[in-house]
PDB file of N, CA and C in Angstrom:
ATOM      1  N   MET A   1     -28.379 -14.004 -59.020  1.00  0.00           N
ATOM      2  CA  MET A   1     -28.078 -13.656 -57.631  1.00  0.00           C
ATOM      3  C   MET A   1     -27.980 -14.811 -56.878  1.00  0.00           C
ATOM      4  N   PRO A   2     -27.034 -15.055 -55.979  1.00  0.00           N
ATOM      5  CA  PRO A   2     -26.961 -16.225 -55.085  1.00  0.00           C
ATOM      6  C   PRO A   2     -28.050 -16.229 -54.086  1.00  0.00           C
ATOM      7  N   LYS A   3     -28.446 -17.501 -53.768  1.00  0.00           N
ATOM      8  CA  LYS A   3     -29.402 -17.804 -52.714  1.00  0.00           C
ATOM      9  C   LYS A   3     -28.711 -17.594 -51.327  1.00  0.00           C
ATOM     10  N   LYS A   4     -29.269 -16.853 -50.444  1.00  0.00           N
ATOM     11  CA  LYS A   4     -28.700 -16.717 -49.061  1.00  0.00           C
ATOM     12  C   LYS A   4     -29.119 -18.041 -48.319  1.00  0.00           C
ATOM     13  N   ASN A   5     -28.035 -18.525 -47.565  1.00  0.00           N
ATOM     14  CA  ASN A   5     -28.326 -19.576 -46.794  1.00  0.00           C
ATOM     15  C   ASN A   5     -28.471 -19.278 -45.447  1.00  0.00           C
ATOM     16  N   GLY A   6     -29.642 -19.598 -44.773  1.00  0.00           N
ATOM     17  CA  GLY A   6     -30.035 -19.194 -43.513  1.00  0.00           C
ATOM     18  C   GLY A   6     -29.192 -19.947 -42.376  1.00  0.00           C
ATOM     19  N   ASN A   7     -28.490 -21.052 -42.796  1.00  0.00           N
ATOM     20  CA  ASN A   7     -27.688 -21.818 -41.835  1.00  0.00           C
ATOM     21  C   ASN A   7     -26.486 -21.118 -41.498  1.00  0.00           C
ATOM     22  N   ARG A   8     -25.911 -20.204 -42.241  1.00  0.00           N
ATOM     23  CA  ARG A   8     -24.740 -19.509 -41.899  1.00  0.00           C
ATOM     24  C   ARG A   8     -24.794 -18.805 -40.563  1.00  0.00           C
ATOM     25  N   ASN A   9     -25.849 -18.152 -40.211  1.00  0.00           N
ATOM     26  CA  ASN A   9     -26.099 -17.477 -39.086  1.00  0.00           C
ATOM     27  C   ASN A   9     -26.123 -18.376 -37.858  1.00  0.00           C
ATOM     28  N   GLU A  10     -26.722 -19.518 -38.058  1.00  0.00           N
ATOM     29  CA  GLU A  10     -26.775 -20.532 -36.948  1.00  0.00           C
ATOM     30  C   GLU A  10     -25.456 -21.076 -36.736  1.00  0.00           C
ATOM     31  N   GLU A  11     -24.526 -21.166 -37.732  1.00  0.00           N
ATOM     32  CA  GLU A  11     -23.145 -21.709 -37.441  1.00  0.00           C
ATOM     33  C   GLU A  11     -22.374 -20.644 -36.684  1.00  0.00           C
ATOM     34  N   LYS A  12     -22.477 -19.434 -36.967  1.00  0.00           N
ATOM     35  CA  LYS A  12     -21.764 -18.376 -36.211  1.00  0.00           C
ATOM     36  C   LYS A  12     -22.154 -18.267 -34.840  1.00  0.00           C
ATOM     37  N   VAL A  13     -23.456 -18.596 -34.521  1.00  0.00           N
ATOM     38  CA  VAL A  13     -23.922 -18.439 -33.185  1.00  0.00           C
ATOM     39  C   VAL A  13     -23.339 -19.647 -32.312  1.00  0.00           C
ATOM     40  N   THR A  14     -23.255 -20.827 -32.930  1.00  0.00           N
ATOM     41  CA  THR A  14     -22.721 -21.954 -32.190  1.00  0.00           C
ATOM     42  C   THR A  14     -21.226 -21.797 -31.987  1.00  0.00           C
ATOM     43  N   LYS A  15     -20.584 -21.150 -32.974  1.00  0.00           N
ATOM     44  CA  LYS A  15     -19.168 -20.986 -32.616  1.00  0.00           C
ATOM     45  C   LYS A  15     -18.864 -20.068 -31.606  1.00  0.00           C
ATOM     46  N   THR A  16     -19.588 -19.087 -31.357  1.00  0.00           N
ATOM     47  CA  THR A  16     -19.474 -18.157 -30.177  1.00  0.00           C
ATOM     48  C   THR A  16     -19.887 -18.722 -28.950  1.00  0.00           C
ATOM     49  N   LYS A  17     -20.733 -19.668 -28.864  1.00  0.00           N
ATOM     50  CA  LYS A  17     -21.214 -20.312 -27.613  1.00  0.00           C
ATOM     51  C   LYS A  17     -20.055 -21.357 -27.093  1.00  0.00           C
ATOM     52  N   ASP A  18     -19.228 -21.803 -28.020  1.00  0.00           N
ATOM     53  CA  ASP A  18     -18.285 -22.681 -27.559  1.00  0.00           C
ATOM     54  C   ASP A  18     -17.055 -22.138 -26.812  1.00  0.00           C
ATOM     55  N   LYS A  19     -16.975 -20.846 -26.779  1.00  0.00           N
ATOM     56  CA  LYS A  19     -15.917 -20.108 -26.074  1.00  0.00           C
ATOM     57  C   LYS A  19     -16.043 -20.239 -24.580  1.00  0.00           C
ATOM     58  N   ILE A  20     -14.945 -20.304 -23.824  1.00  0.00           N
ATOM     59  CA  ILE A  20     -14.923 -20.470 -22.441  1.00  0.00           C
ATOM     60  C   ILE A  20     -14.263 -19.139 -21.973  1.00  0.00           C
ATOM     61  N   GLU A  21     -15.029 -18.372 -21.151  1.00  0.00           N
ATOM     62  CA  GLU A  21     -14.412 -17.079 -20.619  1.00  0.00           C
ATOM     63  C   GLU A  21     -13.967 -17.265 -19.130  1.00  0.00           C
ATOM     64  N   VAL A  22     -12.699 -16.936 -18.984  1.00  0.00           N
ATOM     65  CA  VAL A  22     -12.052 -17.028 -17.595  1.00  0.00           C
ATOM     66  C   VAL A  22     -11.350 -15.739 -17.380  1.00  0.00           C
ATOM     67  N   GLU A  23     -11.124 -15.397 -16.122  1.00  0.00           N
ATOM     68  CA  GLU A  23     -10.366 -14.218 -15.731  1.00  0.00           C
ATOM     69  C   GLU A  23      -9.015 -14.622 -15.283  1.00  0.00           C
ATOM     70  N   GLY A  24      -8.005 -13.736 -15.415  1.00  0.00           N
ATOM     71  CA  GLY A  24      -6.658 -14.009 -15.087  1.00  0.00           C
ATOM     72  C   GLY A  24      -5.833 -12.765 -14.990  1.00  0.00           C
ATOM     73  N   VAL A  25      -4.595 -12.829 -14.574  1.00  0.00           N
ATOM     74  CA  VAL A  25      -3.631 -11.763 -14.454  1.00  0.00           C
ATOM     75  C   VAL A  25      -2.504 -11.887 -15.408  1.00  0.00           C
ATOM     76  N   VAL A  26      -2.183 -10.929 -16.094  1.00  0.00           N
ATOM     77  CA  VAL A  26      -0.997 -10.952 -17.112  1.00  0.00           C
ATOM     78  C   VAL A  26       0.299 -11.046 -16.237  1.00  0.00           C
ATOM     79  N   THR A  27       1.146 -12.011 -16.472  1.00  0.00           N
ATOM     80  CA  THR A  27       2.302 -12.293 -15.711  1.00  0.00           C
ATOM     81  C   THR A  27       3.558 -11.809 -16.558  1.00  0.00           C
ATOM     82  N   GLU A  28       3.476 -11.847 -17.851  1.00  0.00           N
ATOM     83  CA  GLU A  28       4.650 -11.545 -18.713  1.00  0.00           C
ATOM     84  C   GLU A  28       4.185 -11.098 -20.045  1.00  0.00           C
ATOM     85  N   VAL A  29       5.007 -10.099 -20.666  1.00  0.00           N
ATOM     86  CA  VAL A  29       4.774  -9.656 -21.989  1.00  0.00           C
ATOM     87  C   VAL A  29       5.712 -10.392 -22.985  1.00  0.00           C
ATOM     88  N   LEU A  30       5.330 -11.119 -23.952  1.00  0.00           N
ATOM     89  CA  LEU A  30       6.094 -11.798 -24.811  1.00  0.00           C
ATOM     90  C   LEU A  30       6.309 -11.120 -26.185  1.00  0.00           C
ATOM     91  N   LYS A  31       7.175 -11.560 -27.081  1.00  0.00           N
ATOM     92  CA  LYS A  31       7.296 -10.989 -28.329  1.00  0.00           C
ATOM     93  C   LYS A  31       6.066 -11.202 -29.215  1.00  0.00           C
ATOM     94  N   GLY A  32       5.913 -10.328 -30.202  1.00  0.00           N
ATOM     95  CA  GLY A  32       4.791 -10.431 -31.114  1.00  0.00           C
ATOM     96  C   GLY A  32       3.450 -10.171 -30.491  1.00  0.00           C
ATOM     97  N   SER A  33       3.305  -9.393 -29.513  1.00  0.00           N
ATOM     98  CA  SER A  33       2.066  -8.993 -28.845  1.00  0.00           C
ATOM     99  C   SER A  33       1.351 -10.212 -28.288  1.00  0.00           C
ATOM    100  N   ASP A  34       2.145 -11.116 -27.759  1.00  0.00           N
ATOM    101  CA  ASP A  34       1.619 -12.260 -27.023  1.00  0.00           C
ATOM    102  C   ASP A  34       1.825 -12.059 -25.522  1.00  0.00           C
ATOM    103  N   TYR A  35       1.032 -12.629 -24.697  1.00  0.00           N
ATOM    104  CA  TYR A  35       1.103 -12.433 -23.155  1.00  0.00           C
ATOM    105  C   TYR A  35       0.984 -13.798 -22.578  1.00  0.00           C
ATOM    106  N   LEU A  36       1.610 -13.906 -21.382  1.00  0.00           N
ATOM    107  CA  LEU A  36       1.417 -15.079 -20.503  1.00  0.00           C
ATOM    108  C   LEU A  36       0.474 -14.671 -19.443  1.00  0.00           C
ATOM    109  N   VAL A  37      -0.668 -15.404 -19.383  1.00  0.00           N
ATOM    110  CA  VAL A  37      -1.778 -14.927 -18.378  1.00  0.00           C
ATOM    111  C   VAL A  37      -1.965 -16.133 -17.473  1.00  0.00           C
ATOM    112  N   GLU A  38      -1.869 -15.801 -16.135  1.00  0.00           N
ATOM    113  CA  GLU A  38      -2.138 -16.799 -15.132  1.00  0.00           C
ATOM    114  C   GLU A  38      -3.679 -16.753 -14.799  1.00  0.00           C
ATOM    115  N   LEU A  39      -4.385 -17.929 -15.017  1.00  0.00           N
ATOM    116  CA  LEU A  39      -5.802 -17.866 -14.795  1.00  0.00           C
ATOM    117  C   LEU A  39      -6.100 -18.032 -13.298  1.00  0.00           C
ATOM    118  N   GLU A  40      -7.328 -17.885 -12.961  1.00  0.00           N
ATOM    119  CA  GLU A  40      -7.768 -18.029 -11.463  1.00  0.00           C
ATOM    120  C   GLU A  40      -7.579 -19.433 -10.966  1.00  0.00           C
ATOM    121  N   ASN A  41      -7.609 -20.414 -11.806  1.00  0.00           N
ATOM    122  CA  ASN A  41      -7.451 -21.767 -11.367  1.00  0.00           C
ATOM    123  C   ASN A  41      -5.924 -22.235 -11.258  1.00  0.00           C
ATOM    124  N   GLY A  42      -4.999 -21.281 -11.548  1.00  0.00           N
ATOM    125  CA  GLY A  42      -3.662 -21.459 -11.501  1.00  0.00           C
ATOM    126  C   GLY A  42      -2.874 -21.908 -12.768  1.00  0.00           C
ATOM    127  N   HIS A  43      -3.519 -22.221 -13.880  1.00  0.00           N
ATOM    128  CA  HIS A  43      -3.067 -22.502 -15.030  1.00  0.00           C
ATOM    129  C   HIS A  43      -2.500 -21.226 -15.832  1.00  0.00           C
ATOM    130  N   THR A  44      -1.512 -21.514 -16.594  1.00  0.00           N
ATOM    131  CA  THR A  44      -0.921 -20.428 -17.418  1.00  0.00           C
ATOM    132  C   THR A  44      -1.041 -20.600 -18.772  1.00  0.00           C
ATOM    133  N   VAL A  45      -1.713 -19.599 -19.580  1.00  0.00           N
ATOM    134  CA  VAL A  45      -1.920 -19.813 -20.954  1.00  0.00           C
ATOM    135  C   VAL A  45      -1.196 -18.597 -21.730  1.00  0.00           C
ATOM    136  N   LYS A  46      -0.993 -18.920 -23.030  1.00  0.00           N
ATOM    137  CA  LYS A  46      -0.425 -17.865 -23.943  1.00  0.00           C
ATOM    138  C   LYS A  46      -1.587 -17.241 -24.591  1.00  0.00           C
ATOM    139  N   ALA A  47      -1.615 -15.873 -24.504  1.00  0.00           N
ATOM    140  CA  ALA A  47      -2.865 -15.239 -25.175  1.00  0.00           C
ATOM    141  C   ALA A  47      -2.405 -14.062 -25.966  1.00  0.00           C
ATOM    142  N   TYR A  48      -3.211 -13.712 -26.883  1.00  0.00           N
ATOM    143  CA  TYR A  48      -3.013 -12.438 -27.785  1.00  0.00           C
ATOM    144  C   TYR A  48      -4.159 -11.603 -27.628  1.00  0.00           C
ATOM    145  N   VAL A  49      -4.037 -10.341 -28.096  1.00  0.00           N
ATOM    146  CA  VAL A  49      -5.046  -9.279 -27.997  1.00  0.00           C
ATOM    147  C   VAL A  49      -6.059  -9.444 -29.047  1.00  0.00           C
ATOM    148  N   SER A  50      -7.339  -9.196 -28.796  1.00  0.00           N
ATOM    149  CA  SER A  50      -8.405  -9.298 -29.758  1.00  0.00           C
ATOM    150  C   SER A  50      -8.282  -8.062 -30.674  1.00  0.00           C
ATOM    151  N   GLY A  51      -8.908  -8.184 -31.857  1.00  0.00           N
ATOM    152  CA  GLY A  51      -8.728  -7.193 -32.983  1.00  0.00           C
ATOM    153  C   GLY A  51      -9.258  -5.829 -32.474  1.00  0.00           C
ATOM    154  N   LYS A  52     -10.416  -5.794 -31.864  1.00  0.00           N
ATOM    155  CA  LYS A  52     -10.967  -4.521 -31.398  1.00  0.00           C
ATOM    156  C   LYS A  52     -10.070  -3.827 -30.458  1.00  0.00           C
ATOM    157  N   MET A  53      -9.422  -4.573 -29.466  1.00  0.00           N
ATOM    158  CA  MET A  53      -8.526  -3.897 -28.478  1.00  0.00           C
ATOM    159  C   MET A  53      -7.147  -3.499 -29.206  1.00  0.00           C
ATOM    160  N   ARG A  54      -6.890  -4.136 -30.262  1.00  0.00           N
ATOM    161  CA  ARG A  54      -5.602  -3.715 -31.014  1.00  0.00           C
ATOM    162  C   ARG A  54      -5.923  -2.464 -31.781  1.00  0.00           C
ATOM    163  N   ILE A  55      -7.107  -2.371 -32.357  1.00  0.00           N
ATOM    164  CA  ILE A  55      -7.487  -1.212 -33.207  1.00  0.00           C
ATOM    165  C   ILE A  55      -7.534   0.107 -32.307  1.00  0.00           C
ATOM    166  N   HIS A  56      -8.095  -0.028 -31.080  1.00  0.00           N
ATOM    167  CA  HIS A  56      -8.252   1.007 -30.178  1.00  0.00           C
ATOM    168  C   HIS A  56      -7.027   1.274 -29.270  1.00  0.00           C
ATOM    169  N   MET A  57      -5.920   0.538 -29.506  1.00  0.00           N
ATOM    170  CA  MET A  57      -4.583   0.638 -28.935  1.00  0.00           C
ATOM    171  C   MET A  57      -4.736   0.598 -27.387  1.00  0.00           C
ATOM    172  N   ILE A  58      -5.497  -0.434 -26.999  1.00  0.00           N
ATOM    173  CA  ILE A  58      -5.640  -0.650 -25.534  1.00  0.00           C
ATOM    174  C   ILE A  58      -4.348  -1.269 -24.952  1.00  0.00           C
ATOM    175  N   ARG A  59      -3.672  -0.592 -24.083  1.00  0.00           N
ATOM    176  CA  ARG A  59      -2.451  -1.097 -23.569  1.00  0.00           C
ATOM    177  C   ARG A  59      -2.617  -2.123 -22.506  1.00  0.00           C
ATOM    178  N   ILE A  60      -1.715  -3.132 -22.483  1.00  0.00           N
ATOM    179  CA  ILE A  60      -1.853  -4.151 -21.447  1.00  0.00           C
ATOM    180  C   ILE A  60      -0.535  -4.359 -20.886  1.00  0.00           C
ATOM    181  N   LEU A  61      -0.438  -4.243 -19.487  1.00  0.00           N
ATOM    182  CA  LEU A  61       0.745  -4.355 -18.875  1.00  0.00           C
ATOM    183  C   LEU A  61       0.797  -5.550 -17.811  1.00  0.00           C
ATOM    184  N   PRO A  62       1.935  -5.989 -17.420  1.00  0.00           N
ATOM    185  CA  PRO A  62       2.034  -7.081 -16.461  1.00  0.00           C
ATOM    186  C   PRO A  62       1.291  -6.607 -15.134  1.00  0.00           C
ATOM    187  N   GLY A  63       0.420  -7.445 -14.607  1.00  0.00           N
ATOM    188  CA  GLY A  63      -0.293  -7.185 -13.421  1.00  0.00           C
ATOM    189  C   GLY A  63      -1.675  -6.884 -13.737  1.00  0.00           C
ATOM    190  N   ASP A  64      -2.112  -6.561 -14.906  1.00  0.00           N
ATOM    191  CA  ASP A  64      -3.436  -6.242 -15.243  1.00  0.00           C
ATOM    192  C   ASP A  64      -4.298  -7.464 -15.196  1.00  0.00           C
ATOM    193  N   LYS A  65      -5.621  -7.196 -14.830  1.00  0.00           N
ATOM    194  CA  LYS A  65      -6.595  -8.268 -14.744  1.00  0.00           C
ATOM    195  C   LYS A  65      -7.234  -8.207 -16.083  1.00  0.00           C
ATOM    196  N   VAL A  66      -7.375  -9.402 -16.720  1.00  0.00           N
ATOM    197  CA  VAL A  66      -7.959  -9.538 -18.162  1.00  0.00           C
ATOM    198  C   VAL A  66      -8.955 -10.674 -18.143  1.00  0.00           C
ATOM    199  N   THR A  67      -9.865 -10.557 -19.098  1.00  0.00           N
ATOM    200  CA  THR A  67     -10.792 -11.586 -19.364  1.00  0.00           C
ATOM    201  C   THR A  67     -10.175 -12.368 -20.695  1.00  0.00           C
ATOM    202  N   VAL A  68     -10.087 -13.663 -20.654  1.00  0.00           N
ATOM    203  CA  VAL A  68      -9.553 -14.395 -21.684  1.00  0.00           C
ATOM    204  C   VAL A  68     -10.666 -15.431 -22.186  1.00  0.00           C
ATOM    205  N   GLU A  69     -10.735 -15.472 -23.453  1.00  0.00           N
ATOM    206  CA  GLU A  69     -11.661 -16.438 -24.056  1.00  0.00           C
ATOM    207  C   GLU A  69     -10.769 -17.744 -24.623  1.00  0.00           C
ATOM    208  N   LEU A  70     -11.126 -18.781 -24.120  1.00  0.00           N
ATOM    209  CA  LEU A  70     -10.430 -20.078 -24.487  1.00  0.00           C
ATOM    210  C   LEU A  70     -11.332 -20.930 -25.324  1.00  0.00           C
ATOM    211  N   SER A  71     -10.712 -21.644 -26.373  1.00  0.00           N
ATOM    212  CA  SER A  71     -11.488 -22.617 -27.095  1.00  0.00           C
ATOM    213  C   SER A  71     -11.388 -23.983 -26.420  1.00  0.00           C
ATOM    214  N   PRO A  72     -12.478 -24.647 -26.547  1.00  0.00           N
ATOM    215  CA  PRO A  72     -12.422 -26.032 -25.679  1.00  0.00           C
ATOM    216  C   PRO A  72     -11.498 -26.965 -26.415  1.00  0.00           C
ATOM    217  N   TYR A  73     -11.097 -26.657 -27.622  1.00  0.00           N
ATOM    218  CA  TYR A  73     -10.178 -27.688 -28.401  1.00  0.00           C
ATOM    219  C   TYR A  73      -8.742 -27.494 -27.981  1.00  0.00           C
ATOM    220  N   ASP A  74      -8.292 -26.199 -27.633  1.00  0.00           N
ATOM    221  CA  ASP A  74      -6.933 -25.873 -27.288  1.00  0.00           C
ATOM    222  C   ASP A  74      -6.932 -25.003 -26.040  1.00  0.00           C
ATOM    223  N   LEU A  75      -6.832 -25.573 -24.842  1.00  0.00           N
ATOM    224  CA  LEU A  75      -6.833 -24.758 -23.529  1.00  0.00           C
ATOM    225  C   LEU A  75      -5.470 -24.034 -23.255  1.00  0.00           C
ATOM    226  N   THR A  76      -4.602 -24.181 -24.193  1.00  0.00           N
ATOM    227  CA  THR A  76      -3.189 -23.492 -23.862  1.00  0.00           C
ATOM    228  C   THR A  76      -3.063 -22.135 -24.527  1.00  0.00           C
ATOM    229  N   ARG A  77      -4.081 -21.795 -25.493  1.00  0.00           N
ATOM    230  CA  ARG A  77      -4.054 -20.552 -26.237  1.00  0.00           C
ATOM    231  C   ARG A  77      -5.369 -19.811 -25.952  1.00  0.00           C
ATOM    232  N   GLY A  78      -5.292 -18.439 -26.001  1.00  0.00           N
ATOM    233  CA  GLY A  78      -6.481 -17.704 -25.664  1.00  0.00           C
ATOM    234  C   GLY A  78      -6.462 -16.345 -26.290  1.00  0.00           C
ATOM    235  N   ILE A  79      -7.543 -15.657 -26.244  1.00  0.00           N
ATOM    236  CA  ILE A  79      -7.758 -14.306 -26.773  1.00  0.00           C
ATOM    237  C   ILE A  79      -8.126 -13.409 -25.576  1.00  0.00           C
ATOM    238  N   ILE A  80      -7.374 -12.291 -25.419  1.00  0.00           N
ATOM    239  CA  ILE A  80      -7.663 -11.310 -24.451  1.00  0.00           C
ATOM    240  C   ILE A  80      -8.779 -10.427 -24.977  1.00  0.00           C
ATOM    241  N   THR A  81      -9.896 -10.429 -24.337  1.00  0.00           N
ATOM    242  CA  THR A  81     -11.012  -9.686 -24.741  1.00  0.00           C
ATOM    243  C   THR A  81     -11.378  -8.432 -23.964  1.00  0.00           C
ATOM    244  N   TRP A  82     -10.812  -8.370 -22.777  1.00  0.00           N
ATOM    245  CA  TRP A  82     -11.235  -7.240 -21.831  1.00  0.00           C
ATOM    246  C   TRP A  82     -10.119  -7.004 -20.886  1.00  0.00           C
ATOM    247  N   ASN A  83      -9.757  -5.711 -20.614  1.00  0.00           N
ATOM    248  CA  ASN A  83      -8.765  -5.342 -19.688  1.00  0.00           C
ATOM    249  C   ASN A  83      -9.415  -4.522 -18.505  1.00  0.00           C
ATOM    250  N   LYS A  84      -9.147  -5.135 -17.291  1.00  0.00           N
ATOM    251  CA  LYS A  84      -9.894  -4.522 -16.124  1.00  0.00           C
ATOM    252  C   LYS A  84      -9.027  -3.628 -15.271  1.00  0.00           C
ATOM    253  N   ARG A  85      -7.726  -3.701 -15.533  1.00  0.00           N
ATOM    254  CA  ARG A  85      -6.659  -2.944 -14.779  1.00  0.00           C
ATOM    255  C   ARG A  85      -6.956  -2.971 -13.331  1.00  0.00           C
TER     256      ARG A  85
END
């Protein structure tokens, strides 16, 4: 039986802490379930829908207010995690 490594849980926690959450407005729907989102600070990022939102078929339309998670390594791509309509 393989030995469980306690460090794996610590790695997962640090990965989720690195995310930057910002709010924005969907400006355009692109092909392949991608969206252009204009953030509060005026920047535009390309974002896709998170897995849970895709499973529950949450519809996102232009003009919707959404929460986007950005990685500190690539601030031009994001994940839409919440739709506020």
